[in-house]
Protein backbone atom coordinates (compact mmCIF):
# COMPACT_ATOMS: atom_id res chain seq x y z
CA MET A 1 -66.74 33.65 -23.79
CA THR A 2 -67.11 34.26 -19.81
CA GLY A 3 -65.16 36.82 -18.32
CA VAL A 4 -62.48 36.10 -15.67
CA LEU A 5 -63.70 36.84 -12.01
CA GLY A 6 -62.78 40.20 -11.06
CA VAL A 7 -60.71 39.63 -7.94
CA CYS A 8 -59.25 42.10 -5.71
CA ALA A 9 -55.60 41.37 -5.00
CA VAL A 10 -53.44 43.42 -2.32
CA ALA A 11 -49.80 43.95 -2.93
CA GLY A 12 -47.49 40.78 -2.22
CA LEU A 13 -50.17 38.39 -3.08
CA ILE A 14 -48.76 34.99 -2.33
CA MET A 15 -49.26 33.06 -5.04
CA MET A 16 -49.15 29.11 -5.28
CA VAL A 17 -49.04 26.92 -8.40
CA ARG A 18 -49.50 22.85 -8.92
CA SER A 19 -49.66 20.56 -11.79
CA HIS A 20 -52.08 18.12 -12.13
CA HIS A 21 -51.43 14.42 -12.23
CA ASN A 22 -53.66 12.13 -14.25
CA GLY A 23 -52.03 9.13 -12.41
CA SER A 24 -53.71 7.00 -9.89
CA GLU A 25 -51.53 7.51 -7.42
CA PRO A 26 -51.61 10.88 -5.40
CA ILE A 27 -48.27 13.36 -6.09
CA PRO A 28 -46.30 15.25 -3.75
CA ARG A 29 -47.99 18.73 -2.48
CA SER A 30 -44.92 20.58 -2.39
CA VAL A 31 -44.95 23.69 -3.73
CA ALA A 32 -42.53 26.99 -4.22
CA ALA A 33 -44.77 30.19 -3.22
CA ARG A 34 -44.05 33.40 -5.62
CA THR A 35 -45.30 36.52 -4.97
CA SER A 36 -47.15 38.94 -7.36
CA ALA A 37 -47.12 42.93 -7.62
CA THR A 38 -50.83 43.04 -8.66
CA ALA A 39 -51.82 46.16 -7.41
CA ALA A 40 -55.19 46.73 -4.68
CA LYS A 41 -58.81 47.80 -5.92
CA GLY A 42 -60.92 48.94 -3.90
CA GLY A 43 -59.49 46.96 -0.82
CA VAL A 44 -59.16 42.89 -0.53
CA ARG A 45 -62.19 40.74 -0.96
CA ARG A 46 -63.60 38.56 1.91
CA LEU A 47 -64.93 35.32 2.28
CA SER A 48 -68.34 36.88 2.74
CA GLN A 49 -68.55 38.57 -0.22
CA LEU A 50 -68.22 35.84 -2.48
CA LYS A 51 -71.35 33.16 -3.29
CA THR A 52 -69.92 30.11 -3.41
CA GLY A 53 -71.89 26.11 -4.02
CA THR A 54 -72.49 23.45 -1.50
CA LYS A 55 -69.30 22.38 0.56
CA LEU A 56 -67.65 19.35 -0.02
CA ASP A 57 -65.50 18.58 3.54
CA VAL A 58 -62.69 16.07 2.54
CA THR A 59 -59.68 14.81 5.33
CA THR A 60 -56.36 13.40 4.47
CA PRO A 61 -54.89 9.84 6.12
CA ASP A 62 -52.29 12.19 7.81
CA GLY A 63 -55.51 14.35 9.52
CA TYR A 64 -55.31 17.82 7.32
CA SER A 65 -58.91 18.96 6.68
CA TYR A 66 -60.70 20.98 4.11
CA SER A 67 -63.60 22.24 2.96
CA LEU A 68 -64.24 23.22 -0.57
CA ALA A 69 -66.88 25.22 -2.37
CA ALA A 70 -67.08 26.69 -5.91
CA VAL A 71 -67.85 30.24 -6.93
CA LYS A 72 -67.83 30.09 -10.35
CA ALA A 73 -66.60 28.28 -13.77
CA GLY A 74 -66.10 30.08 -17.76
CA THR A 75 -63.12 30.45 -20.13
CA ASP A 76 -60.79 32.41 -21.35
CA ASP A 77 -57.20 32.70 -23.06
CA ARG A 78 -54.85 33.45 -20.20
CA PRO A 79 -57.04 31.93 -17.03
CA LEU A 80 -53.66 32.30 -14.59
CA ALA A 81 -50.94 34.51 -14.15
CA SER A 82 -48.96 31.39 -14.93
CA THR A 83 -50.59 30.86 -18.32
CA LYS A 84 -47.76 30.91 -20.40
CA THR A 85 -48.77 30.16 -24.03
CA PRO A 86 -51.91 31.01 -25.49
CA PRO A 87 -54.04 28.60 -26.86
CA PRO A 88 -55.13 28.28 -31.11
CA GLU A 89 -57.37 30.05 -32.96
CA GLY A 90 -60.93 28.64 -32.44
CA ALA A 91 -59.94 27.49 -28.38
CA THR A 92 -59.77 28.46 -25.09
CA LEU A 93 -58.98 27.43 -21.88
CA GLY A 94 -61.45 26.67 -19.09
CA TYR A 95 -61.29 27.58 -15.57
CA VAL A 96 -63.08 27.14 -12.12
CA ASP A 97 -62.51 29.23 -9.18
CA TYR A 98 -63.40 27.89 -5.87
CA VAL A 99 -62.70 28.54 -2.34
CA ILE A 100 -60.37 25.98 0.40
CA THR A 101 -60.54 26.36 3.95
CA ASN A 102 -58.54 25.07 6.50
CA THR A 103 -61.30 23.36 8.87
CA GLY A 104 -58.49 22.03 11.40
CA THR A 105 -57.61 23.80 14.37
CA ALA A 106 -53.48 23.59 13.22
CA PRO A 107 -51.95 24.75 9.98
CA ALA A 108 -52.42 22.30 7.22
CA LEU A 109 -50.76 21.61 4.01
CA LEU A 110 -51.65 24.09 1.29
CA ASP A 111 -53.31 21.38 -1.12
CA PHE A 112 -55.19 21.45 -4.32
CA PRO A 113 -57.71 18.94 -3.70
CA ALA A 114 -60.11 19.80 -6.91
CA ASP A 115 -59.65 18.98 -10.54
CA LEU A 116 -61.51 20.55 -13.85
CA PHE A 117 -63.59 18.74 -15.70
CA VAL A 118 -65.06 19.03 -18.92
CA LYS A 119 -67.13 18.02 -21.73
CA ARG A 120 -64.79 15.47 -24.12
CA SER A 121 -66.78 16.65 -27.06
CA LEU A 122 -65.16 20.02 -26.47
CA THR A 123 -61.62 19.26 -26.70
CA VAL A 124 -59.59 19.90 -29.44
CA GLY A 125 -56.48 18.76 -30.99
CA THR A 126 -54.05 16.46 -28.64
CA ALA A 127 -55.89 17.64 -25.95
CA LYS A 128 -58.76 14.44 -26.73
CA THR A 129 -56.18 11.74 -25.91
CA ARG A 130 -54.87 13.53 -22.37
CA CYS A 131 -58.54 14.01 -21.18
CA MET A 132 -58.90 11.61 -18.90
CA PRO A 133 -62.59 9.94 -17.87
CA GLN A 134 -62.94 8.82 -13.71
CA PRO A 135 -65.20 6.81 -11.87
CA GLY A 136 -67.85 8.63 -10.49
CA ALA A 137 -67.81 11.55 -13.23
CA PRO A 138 -70.33 11.99 -15.93
CA SER A 139 -68.82 9.53 -18.71
CA ASP A 140 -68.87 12.37 -21.00
CA MET A 141 -66.84 14.37 -19.01
CA CYS A 142 -63.44 13.96 -18.42
CA THR A 143 -60.22 15.82 -16.68
CA LEU A 144 -56.98 17.59 -18.72
CA PRO A 145 -53.79 18.27 -16.91
CA ASP A 146 -54.83 21.56 -15.71
CA HIS A 147 -52.90 24.13 -12.64
CA THR A 148 -54.09 25.45 -9.40
CA ASP A 149 -52.87 29.19 -8.08
CA VAL A 150 -54.26 30.91 -5.14
CA VAL A 151 -55.58 34.71 -6.74
CA ASN A 152 -56.66 36.09 -3.05
CA THR A 153 -55.65 35.10 0.48
CA LEU A 154 -59.42 36.73 1.36
CA GLY A 155 -57.53 38.59 4.30
CA PHE A 156 -56.00 35.80 6.10
CA ALA A 157 -52.83 35.50 7.16
CA ALA A 158 -50.71 34.59 3.85
CA PRO A 159 -49.28 30.47 4.02
CA HIS A 160 -45.99 30.06 5.42
CA THR A 161 -43.10 27.98 4.47
CA GLU A 162 -41.71 24.65 6.44
CA ASP A 163 -39.07 22.01 5.21
CA GLU A 164 -40.33 23.44 1.48
CA ASP A 165 -44.26 22.61 1.86
CA GLN A 166 -46.59 25.61 2.54
CA TYR A 167 -49.26 25.79 5.32
CA ILE A 168 -52.53 27.70 5.60
CA PRO A 169 -53.22 28.64 9.04
CA ALA A 170 -55.98 27.52 10.77
CA GLY A 171 -59.07 28.21 9.81
CA ALA A 172 -58.28 30.27 7.07
CA SER A 173 -60.09 30.54 3.67
CA TYR A 174 -58.28 30.87 0.40
CA LEU A 175 -59.63 32.01 -3.32
CA VAL A 176 -58.08 29.61 -5.58
CA ARG A 177 -58.45 29.30 -9.89
CA VAL A 178 -57.65 25.76 -11.72
CA ALA A 179 -57.08 26.04 -15.29
CA THR A 180 -56.63 23.81 -17.85
CA ASP A 181 -53.01 23.40 -19.49
CA LEU A 182 -54.37 21.70 -22.70
CA PRO A 183 -57.13 23.63 -24.75
CA VAL A 184 -61.07 23.45 -25.32
CA SER A 185 -63.37 24.83 -28.23
CA ASP A 186 -64.57 28.24 -27.68
CA SER A 187 -67.43 27.38 -27.68
CA THR A 188 -67.20 26.01 -24.33
CA ASP A 189 -69.02 27.69 -21.24
CA ALA A 190 -69.36 27.22 -18.02
CA ARG A 191 -72.10 24.77 -18.26
CA ASP A 192 -69.63 22.24 -19.90
CA LEU A 193 -66.74 22.42 -17.16
CA GLY A 194 -67.03 20.61 -13.63
CA LEU A 195 -65.47 20.62 -10.39
CA TYR A 196 -63.96 17.34 -8.86
CA VAL A 197 -62.19 15.42 -6.30
CA TRP A 198 -60.97 11.99 -7.39
CA ASN A 199 -57.20 11.59 -6.06
CA PRO A 200 -57.67 8.51 -3.71
CA ARG A 201 -55.90 10.93 -1.30
CA PHE A 202 -58.85 12.55 -0.41
CA THR A 203 -60.99 10.13 -1.92
CA PRO A 204 -60.63 6.30 -0.38
CA ASP A 205 -62.93 4.55 -3.19
CA ARG A 206 -60.85 6.34 -5.96
CA ARG A 207 -64.85 7.51 -6.92
CA ALA A 208 -65.06 11.52 -8.30
CA ILE A 209 -66.97 13.54 -6.08
CA GLN A 210 -68.17 16.87 -7.27
CA VAL A 211 -67.71 20.20 -5.95
CA PRO A 212 -71.00 21.93 -7.20
CA ILE A 213 -70.99 24.89 -8.77
CA PRO A 214 -73.12 28.02 -8.04
């Protein structure tokens, strides 16, 4: 089992969570902020300390622009602080860490464009019927319901709230983790996971675009 990325956090770390939507239309992105009391361990991790894959730039119809860069993939029985129920015996949960950057010149809605894909053959139980294929992604991969948390603000200012929406400052980068809500086989490893943007809010042609994992 791949270990959880050792991310140094600051006291008062802002965390966000979003549920994955397997429908064809985008979902509202208004999400509530929560704070974590995680203690700092050796200082704040900076963007320059992370090894990332090739960036993917995306833009929304309302003018927000972001870049996404994957950091790593793996599995864990509790990949997020918000994970409530451990997977059954013989199963685990998949995750991918990636960096989201507001590439615009003004604050942008804190959005989570990417979703985790897994080899369909490695889904277990009821997850087999919940794993959805998407045009543009490999035919043997599908996306399960998932959640995304901000796990580190990388030394940038925390998001601010405006009319119940959260906004990331211009130029800021956050490290986020997207993890499956439903279990996968405990034989799953990083090579069986992928990160794709497929929501039509970010891909007008409705075809999944890969965010390469290094």
